[in-house]
Amino acid sequence: MTLDEIKLGEECRIVRQNLGGATGQRLMDMGFIPGTKVKVVRNAPLIDPVDLLIRGYHVSLRHHEARGVEVERT
C-alpha cells in the first residue's frame, strides 16, 4: 500500500521510500524513513496535495510523491 491510499485521519508506518534523485533525498531529509509514523490530516482526492503529520510537523506532498512511499496501517 502507498501513502496516497491512506484515508483522512488514518495513521500508518513507513515501510520504504521508493523515490530516487532529489525528491527521494528531500523526503529522507524531512524524516520519511522506515519505521516513522505518519497521519493523514487532509487529503484532496482529485487535486494535490496530501497534508501529513510526521514527527510533530505538517508536510504537504503531491499525490505522485505520496505514491512513492510504501506504508502499512497501524
PDB file of N, CA and C in Angstrom:
ATOM      1  N   MET A   1       0.856  -1.172   0.000  1.00  0.00           N
ATOM      2  CA  MET A   1       0.000   0.000   0.000  1.00  0.00           C
ATOM      3  C   MET A   1       0.905   1.239   0.000  1.00  0.00           C
ATOM      4  N   THR A   2       0.450   2.282  -0.651  1.00  0.00           N
ATOM      5  CA  THR A   2       1.240   3.512  -0.698  1.00  0.00           C
ATOM      6  C   THR A   2       0.553   4.635   0.090  1.00  0.00           C
ATOM      7  N   LEU A   3       1.318   5.660   0.381  1.00  0.00           N
ATOM      8  CA  LEU A   3       0.842   6.746   1.234  1.00  0.00           C
ATOM      9  C   LEU A   3      -0.365   7.477   0.653  1.00  0.00           C
ATOM     10  N   ASP A   4      -0.478   7.559  -0.654  1.00  0.00           N
ATOM     11  CA  ASP A   4      -1.631   8.255  -1.245  1.00  0.00           C
ATOM     12  C   ASP A   4      -2.931   7.471  -1.099  1.00  0.00           C
ATOM     13  N   GLU A   5      -2.878   6.193  -0.688  1.00  0.00           N
ATOM     14  CA  GLU A   5      -4.071   5.371  -0.491  1.00  0.00           C
ATOM     15  C   GLU A   5      -4.630   5.459   0.930  1.00  0.00           C
ATOM     16  N   ILE A   6      -3.908   6.079   1.850  1.00  0.00           N
ATOM     17  CA  ILE A   6      -4.343   6.191   3.233  1.00  0.00           C
ATOM     18  C   ILE A   6      -5.437   7.256   3.329  1.00  0.00           C
ATOM     19  N   LYS A   7      -6.485   6.951   4.050  1.00  0.00           N
ATOM     20  CA  LYS A   7      -7.637   7.852   4.161  1.00  0.00           C
ATOM     21  C   LYS A   7      -7.440   8.899   5.250  1.00  0.00           C
ATOM     22  N   LEU A   8      -8.250   9.920   5.194  1.00  0.00           N
ATOM     23  CA  LEU A   8      -8.227  11.018   6.149  1.00  0.00           C
ATOM     24  C   LEU A   8      -8.332  10.511   7.588  1.00  0.00           C
ATOM     25  N   GLY A   9      -7.432  10.962   8.450  1.00  0.00           N
ATOM     26  CA  GLY A   9      -7.441  10.610   9.860  1.00  0.00           C
ATOM     27  C   GLY A   9      -6.732   9.315  10.201  1.00  0.00           C
ATOM     28  N   GLU A  10      -6.357   8.511   9.211  1.00  0.00           N
ATOM     29  CA  GLU A  10      -5.683   7.242   9.473  1.00  0.00           C
ATOM     30  C   GLU A  10      -4.193   7.450   9.717  1.00  0.00           C
ATOM     31  N   GLU A  11      -3.632   6.542  10.495  1.00  0.00           N
ATOM     32  CA  GLU A  11      -2.191   6.548  10.743  1.00  0.00           C
ATOM     33  C   GLU A  11      -1.566   5.346  10.075  1.00  0.00           C
ATOM     34  N   CYS A  12      -0.312   5.488   9.721  1.00  0.00           N
ATOM     35  CA  CYS A  12       0.421   4.394   9.107  1.00  0.00           C
ATOM     36  C   CYS A  12       1.897   4.508   9.493  1.00  0.00           C
ATOM     37  N   ARG A  13       2.644   3.482   9.134  1.00  0.00           N
ATOM     38  CA  ARG A  13       4.078   3.457   9.387  1.00  0.00           C
ATOM     39  C   ARG A  13       4.788   3.263   8.047  1.00  0.00           C
ATOM     40  N   ILE A  14       5.836   4.009   7.831  1.00  0.00           N
ATOM     41  CA  ILE A  14       6.583   3.918   6.578  1.00  0.00           C
ATOM     42  C   ILE A  14       7.362   2.612   6.533  1.00  0.00           C
ATOM     43  N   VAL A  15       7.213   1.886   5.425  1.00  0.00           N
ATOM     44  CA  VAL A  15       7.942   0.644   5.202  1.00  0.00           C
ATOM     45  C   VAL A  15       9.197   0.933   4.386  1.00  0.00           C
ATOM     46  N   ARG A  16       9.021   1.670   3.292  1.00  0.00           N
ATOM     47  CA  ARG A  16      10.167   2.076   2.471  1.00  0.00           C
ATOM     48  C   ARG A  16       9.767   3.253   1.606  1.00  0.00           C
ATOM     49  N   GLN A  17      10.756   3.953   1.134  1.00  0.00           N
ATOM     50  CA  GLN A  17      10.552   5.119   0.290  1.00  0.00           C
ATOM     51  C   GLN A  17      11.200   4.795  -1.050  1.00  0.00           C
ATOM     52  N   ASN A  18      10.411   4.775  -2.117  1.00  0.00           N
ATOM     53  CA  ASN A  18      10.865   4.298  -3.427  1.00  0.00           C
ATOM     54  C   ASN A  18      11.196   5.398  -4.422  1.00  0.00           C
ATOM     55  N   LEU A  19      11.335   6.625  -3.963  1.00  0.00           N
ATOM     56  CA  LEU A  19      11.647   7.720  -4.874  1.00  0.00           C
ATOM     57  C   LEU A  19      13.156   7.936  -4.917  1.00  0.00           C
ATOM     58  N   GLY A  20      13.657   8.205  -6.084  1.00  0.00           N
ATOM     59  CA  GLY A  20      15.083   8.457  -6.228  1.00  0.00           C
ATOM     60  C   GLY A  20      15.358   9.920  -6.491  1.00  0.00           C
ATOM     61  N   GLY A  21      16.608  10.228  -6.693  1.00  0.00           N
ATOM     62  CA  GLY A  21      17.010  11.580  -7.054  1.00  0.00           C
ATOM     63  C   GLY A  21      16.787  12.590  -5.947  1.00  0.00           C
ATOM     64  N   ALA A  22      16.601  13.829  -6.358  1.00  0.00           N
ATOM     65  CA  ALA A  22      16.447  14.940  -5.420  1.00  0.00           C
ATOM     66  C   ALA A  22      15.174  14.815  -4.581  1.00  0.00           C
ATOM     67  N   THR A  23      14.106  14.324  -5.182  1.00  0.00           N
ATOM     68  CA  THR A  23      12.852  14.174  -4.437  1.00  0.00           C
ATOM     69  C   THR A  23      12.996  13.142  -3.334  1.00  0.00           C
ATOM     70  N   GLY A  24      13.590  12.015  -3.628  1.00  0.00           N
ATOM     71  CA  GLY A  24      13.817  10.984  -2.624  1.00  0.00           C
ATOM     72  C   GLY A  24      14.707  11.481  -1.497  1.00  0.00           C
ATOM     73  N   GLN A  25      15.752  12.208  -1.834  1.00  0.00           N
ATOM     74  CA  GLN A  25      16.647  12.749  -0.815  1.00  0.00           C
ATOM     75  C   GLN A  25      15.931  13.782   0.044  1.00  0.00           C
ATOM     76  N   ARG A  26      15.098  14.600  -0.575  1.00  0.00           N
ATOM     77  CA  ARG A  26      14.348  15.616   0.176  1.00  0.00           C
ATOM     78  C   ARG A  26      13.409  14.961   1.183  1.00  0.00           C
ATOM     79  N   LEU A  27      12.721  13.896   0.768  1.00  0.00           N
ATOM     80  CA  LEU A  27      11.834  13.191   1.685  1.00  0.00           C
ATOM     81  C   LEU A  27      12.614  12.541   2.824  1.00  0.00           C
ATOM     82  N   MET A  28      13.764  11.959   2.528  1.00  0.00           N
ATOM     83  CA  MET A  28      14.603  11.381   3.576  1.00  0.00           C
ATOM     84  C   MET A  28      15.032  12.455   4.574  1.00  0.00           C
ATOM     85  N   ASP A  29      15.398  13.617   4.073  1.00  0.00           N
ATOM     86  CA  ASP A  29      15.813  14.725   4.941  1.00  0.00           C
ATOM     87  C   ASP A  29      14.677  15.206   5.834  1.00  0.00           C
ATOM     88  N   MET A  30      13.427  15.077   5.356  1.00  0.00           N
ATOM     89  CA  MET A  30      12.265  15.506   6.138  1.00  0.00           C
ATOM     90  C   MET A  30      11.780  14.428   7.098  1.00  0.00           C
ATOM     91  N   GLY A  31      12.436  13.264   7.107  1.00  0.00           N
ATOM     92  CA  GLY A  31      12.087  12.230   8.064  1.00  0.00           C
ATOM     93  C   GLY A  31      11.284  11.074   7.523  1.00  0.00           C
ATOM     94  N   PHE A  32      11.121  10.966   6.223  1.00  0.00           N
ATOM     95  CA  PHE A  32      10.390   9.850   5.621  1.00  0.00           C
ATOM     96  C   PHE A  32      11.315   8.642   5.535  1.00  0.00           C
ATOM     97  N   ILE A  33      11.553   8.036   6.695  1.00  0.00           N
ATOM     98  CA  ILE A  33      12.427   6.874   6.787  1.00  0.00           C
ATOM     99  C   ILE A  33      11.631   5.703   7.358  1.00  0.00           C
ATOM    100  N   PRO A  34      12.040   4.469   7.069  1.00  0.00           N
ATOM    101  CA  PRO A  34      11.301   3.304   7.555  1.00  0.00           C
ATOM    102  C   PRO A  34      11.091   3.341   9.069  1.00  0.00           C
ATOM    103  N   GLY A  35       9.858   2.980   9.474  1.00  0.00           N
ATOM    104  CA  GLY A  35       9.506   2.936  10.881  1.00  0.00           C
ATOM    105  C   GLY A  35       8.838   4.195  11.411  1.00  0.00           C
ATOM    106  N   THR A  36       8.869   5.287  10.654  1.00  0.00           N
ATOM    107  CA  THR A  36       8.289   6.551  11.093  1.00  0.00           C
ATOM    108  C   THR A  36       6.774   6.527  10.925  1.00  0.00           C
ATOM    109  N   LYS A  37       6.061   6.998  11.957  1.00  0.00           N
ATOM    110  CA  LYS A  37       4.598   7.075  11.885  1.00  0.00           C
ATOM    111  C   LYS A  37       4.168   8.341  11.153  1.00  0.00           C
ATOM    112  N   VAL A  38       3.107   8.205  10.362  1.00  0.00           N
ATOM    113  CA  VAL A  38       2.561   9.314   9.576  1.00  0.00           C
ATOM    114  C   VAL A  38       1.050   9.303   9.737  1.00  0.00           C
ATOM    115  N   LYS A  39       0.443  10.480   9.886  1.00  0.00           N
ATOM    116  CA  LYS A  39      -1.015  10.601   9.952  1.00  0.00           C
ATOM    117  C   LYS A  39      -1.473  11.520   8.828  1.00  0.00           C
ATOM    118  N   VAL A  40      -2.541  11.118   8.140  1.00  0.00           N
ATOM    119  CA  VAL A  40      -3.110  11.941   7.075  1.00  0.00           C
ATOM    120  C   VAL A  40      -4.065  12.946   7.706  1.00  0.00           C
ATOM    121  N   VAL A  41      -3.761  14.237   7.539  1.00  0.00           N
ATOM    122  CA  VAL A  41      -4.571  15.307   8.119  1.00  0.00           C
ATOM    123  C   VAL A  41      -5.605  15.796   7.116  1.00  0.00           C
ATOM    124  N   ARG A  42      -5.198  15.981   5.882  1.00  0.00           N
ATOM    125  CA  ARG A  42      -6.101  16.383   4.797  1.00  0.00           C
ATOM    126  C   ARG A  42      -5.682  15.638   3.547  1.00  0.00           C
ATOM    127  N   ASN A  43      -6.670  15.284   2.730  1.00  0.00           N
ATOM    128  CA  ASN A  43      -6.373  14.556   1.506  1.00  0.00           C
ATOM    129  C   ASN A  43      -7.324  15.010   0.417  1.00  0.00           C
ATOM    130  N   ALA A  44      -6.789  15.670  -0.568  1.00  0.00           N
ATOM    131  CA  ALA A  44      -7.592  16.087  -1.708  1.00  0.00           C
ATOM    132  C   ALA A  44      -7.681  14.902  -2.674  1.00  0.00           C
ATOM    133  N   PRO A  45      -8.856  14.354  -2.915  1.00  0.00           N
ATOM    134  CA  PRO A  45      -8.967  13.134  -3.726  1.00  0.00           C
ATOM    135  C   PRO A  45      -8.619  13.315  -5.205  1.00  0.00           C
ATOM    136  N   LEU A  46      -8.862  14.465  -5.760  1.00  0.00           N
ATOM    137  CA  LEU A  46      -8.602  14.654  -7.190  1.00  0.00           C
ATOM    138  C   LEU A  46      -7.463  15.619  -7.473  1.00  0.00           C
ATOM    139  N   ILE A  47      -7.244  16.536  -6.584  1.00  0.00           N
ATOM    140  CA  ILE A  47      -6.229  17.571  -6.792  1.00  0.00           C
ATOM    141  C   ILE A  47      -5.265  17.540  -5.617  1.00  0.00           C
ATOM    142  N   ASP A  48      -3.996  17.818  -5.900  1.00  0.00           N
ATOM    143  CA  ASP A  48      -2.980  17.852  -4.852  1.00  0.00           C
ATOM    144  C   ASP A  48      -3.271  18.955  -3.862  1.00  0.00           C
ATOM    145  N   PRO A  49      -2.775  18.896  -2.668  1.00  0.00           N
ATOM    146  CA  PRO A  49      -1.812  17.964  -2.076  1.00  0.00           C
ATOM    147  C   PRO A  49      -2.445  17.058  -1.029  1.00  0.00           C
ATOM    148  N   VAL A  50      -1.590  16.238  -0.423  1.00  0.00           N
ATOM    149  CA  VAL A  50      -1.928  15.436   0.746  1.00  0.00           C
ATOM    150  C   VAL A  50      -1.204  16.093   1.914  1.00  0.00           C
ATOM    151  N   ASP A  51      -1.924  16.446   2.972  1.00  0.00           N
ATOM    152  CA  ASP A  51      -1.324  17.080   4.144  1.00  0.00           C
ATOM    153  C   ASP A  51      -1.093  16.002   5.195  1.00  0.00           C
ATOM    154  N   LEU A  52       0.153  15.874   5.648  1.00  0.00           N
ATOM    155  CA  LEU A  52       0.546  14.815   6.565  1.00  0.00           C
ATOM    156  C   LEU A  52       1.114  15.385   7.852  1.00  0.00           C
ATOM    157  N   LEU A  53       0.963  14.629   8.935  1.00  0.00           N
ATOM    158  CA  LEU A  53       1.602  14.959  10.199  1.00  0.00           C
ATOM    159  C   LEU A  53       2.666  13.898  10.434  1.00  0.00           C
ATOM    160  N   ILE A  54       3.926  14.327  10.436  1.00  0.00           N
ATOM    161  CA  ILE A  54       5.050  13.416  10.613  1.00  0.00           C
ATOM    162  C   ILE A  54       6.053  14.053  11.565  1.00  0.00           C
ATOM    163  N   ARG A  55       6.395  13.324  12.599  1.00  0.00           N
ATOM    164  CA  ARG A  55       7.364  13.785  13.601  1.00  0.00           C
ATOM    165  C   ARG A  55       7.003  15.143  14.205  1.00  0.00           C
ATOM    166  N   GLY A  56       5.698  15.411  14.350  1.00  0.00           N
ATOM    167  CA  GLY A  56       5.240  16.631  15.004  1.00  0.00           C
ATOM    168  C   GLY A  56       5.113  17.847  14.110  1.00  0.00           C
ATOM    169  N   TYR A  57       5.315  17.709  12.820  1.00  0.00           N
ATOM    170  CA  TYR A  57       5.125  18.841  11.918  1.00  0.00           C
ATOM    171  C   TYR A  57       4.334  18.423  10.685  1.00  0.00           C
ATOM    172  N   HIS A  58       3.763  19.415  10.011  1.00  0.00           N
ATOM    173  CA  HIS A  58       2.934  19.176   8.832  1.00  0.00           C
ATOM    174  C   HIS A  58       3.774  19.249   7.565  1.00  0.00           C
ATOM    175  N   VAL A  59       3.520  18.310   6.668  1.00  0.00           N
ATOM    176  CA  VAL A  59       4.182  18.265   5.367  1.00  0.00           C
ATOM    177  C   VAL A  59       3.106  18.038   4.317  1.00  0.00           C
ATOM    178  N   SER A  60       3.183  18.755   3.232  1.00  0.00           N
ATOM    179  CA  SER A  60       2.263  18.547   2.111  1.00  0.00           C
ATOM    180  C   SER A  60       3.034  17.929   0.959  1.00  0.00           C
ATOM    181  N   LEU A  61       2.485  16.848   0.408  1.00  0.00           N
ATOM    182  CA  LEU A  61       3.092  16.167  -0.733  1.00  0.00           C
ATOM    183  C   LEU A  61       2.106  16.103  -1.883  1.00  0.00           C
ATOM    184  N   ARG A  62       2.627  16.069  -3.079  1.00  0.00           N
ATOM    185  CA  ARG A  62       1.789  15.807  -4.242  1.00  0.00           C
ATOM    186  C   ARG A  62       1.435  14.324  -4.246  1.00  0.00           C
ATOM    187  N   HIS A  63       0.330  13.981  -4.889  1.00  0.00           N
ATOM    188  CA  HIS A  63      -0.095  12.581  -4.918  1.00  0.00           C
ATOM    189  C   HIS A  63       0.954  11.683  -5.564  1.00  0.00           C
ATOM    190  N   HIS A  64       1.629  12.149  -6.612  1.00  0.00           N
ATOM    191  CA  HIS A  64       2.637  11.289  -7.255  1.00  0.00           C
ATOM    192  C   HIS A  64       3.842  11.070  -6.344  1.00  0.00           C
ATOM    193  N   GLU A  65       4.148  12.012  -5.457  1.00  0.00           N
ATOM    194  CA  GLU A  65       5.229  11.811  -4.483  1.00  0.00           C
ATOM    195  C   GLU A  65       4.778  10.818  -3.411  1.00  0.00           C
ATOM    196  N   ALA A  66       3.532  10.951  -2.947  1.00  0.00           N
ATOM    197  CA  ALA A  66       3.000  10.052  -1.921  1.00  0.00           C
ATOM    198  C   ALA A  66       2.912   8.614  -2.435  1.00  0.00           C
ATOM    199  N   ARG A  67       2.739   8.430  -3.740  1.00  0.00           N
ATOM    200  CA  ARG A  67       2.716   7.082  -4.323  1.00  0.00           C
ATOM    201  C   ARG A  67       4.060   6.394  -4.209  1.00  0.00           C
ATOM    202  N   GLY A  68       5.119   7.149  -4.034  1.00  0.00           N
ATOM    203  CA  GLY A  68       6.471   6.591  -3.922  1.00  0.00           C
ATOM    204  C   GLY A  68       6.854   6.185  -2.517  1.00  0.00           C
ATOM    205  N   VAL A  69       5.925   6.319  -1.552  1.00  0.00           N
ATOM    206  CA  VAL A  69       6.210   5.955  -0.168  1.00  0.00           C
ATOM    207  C   VAL A  69       5.326   4.764   0.203  1.00  0.00           C
ATOM    208  N   GLU A  70       5.953   3.624   0.439  1.00  0.00           N
ATOM    209  CA  GLU A  70       5.224   2.403   0.796  1.00  0.00           C
ATOM    210  C   GLU A  70       4.991   2.400   2.306  1.00  0.00           C
ATOM    211  N   VAL A  71       3.744   2.113   2.714  1.00  0.00           N
ATOM    212  CA  VAL A  71       3.371   2.166   4.126  1.00  0.00           C
ATOM    213  C   VAL A  71       2.547   0.938   4.522  1.00  0.00           C
ATOM    214  N   GLU A  72       2.375   0.779   5.845  1.00  0.00           N
ATOM    215  CA  GLU A  72       1.458  -0.217   6.389  1.00  0.00           C
ATOM    216  C   GLU A  72       0.607   0.470   7.434  1.00  0.00           C
ATOM    217  N   ARG A  73      -0.656   0.102   7.519  1.00  0.00           N
ATOM    218  CA  ARG A  73      -1.556   0.696   8.525  1.00  0.00           C
ATOM    219  C   ARG A  73      -1.140   0.251   9.912  1.00  0.00           C
ATOM    220  N   THR A  74      -1.341   1.144  10.902  1.00  0.00           N
ATOM    221  CA  THR A  74      -1.025   0.781  12.290  1.00  0.00           C
ATOM    222  C   THR A  74      -2.292   0.613  13.086  1.00  0.00           C
TER     223      THR A  74
END
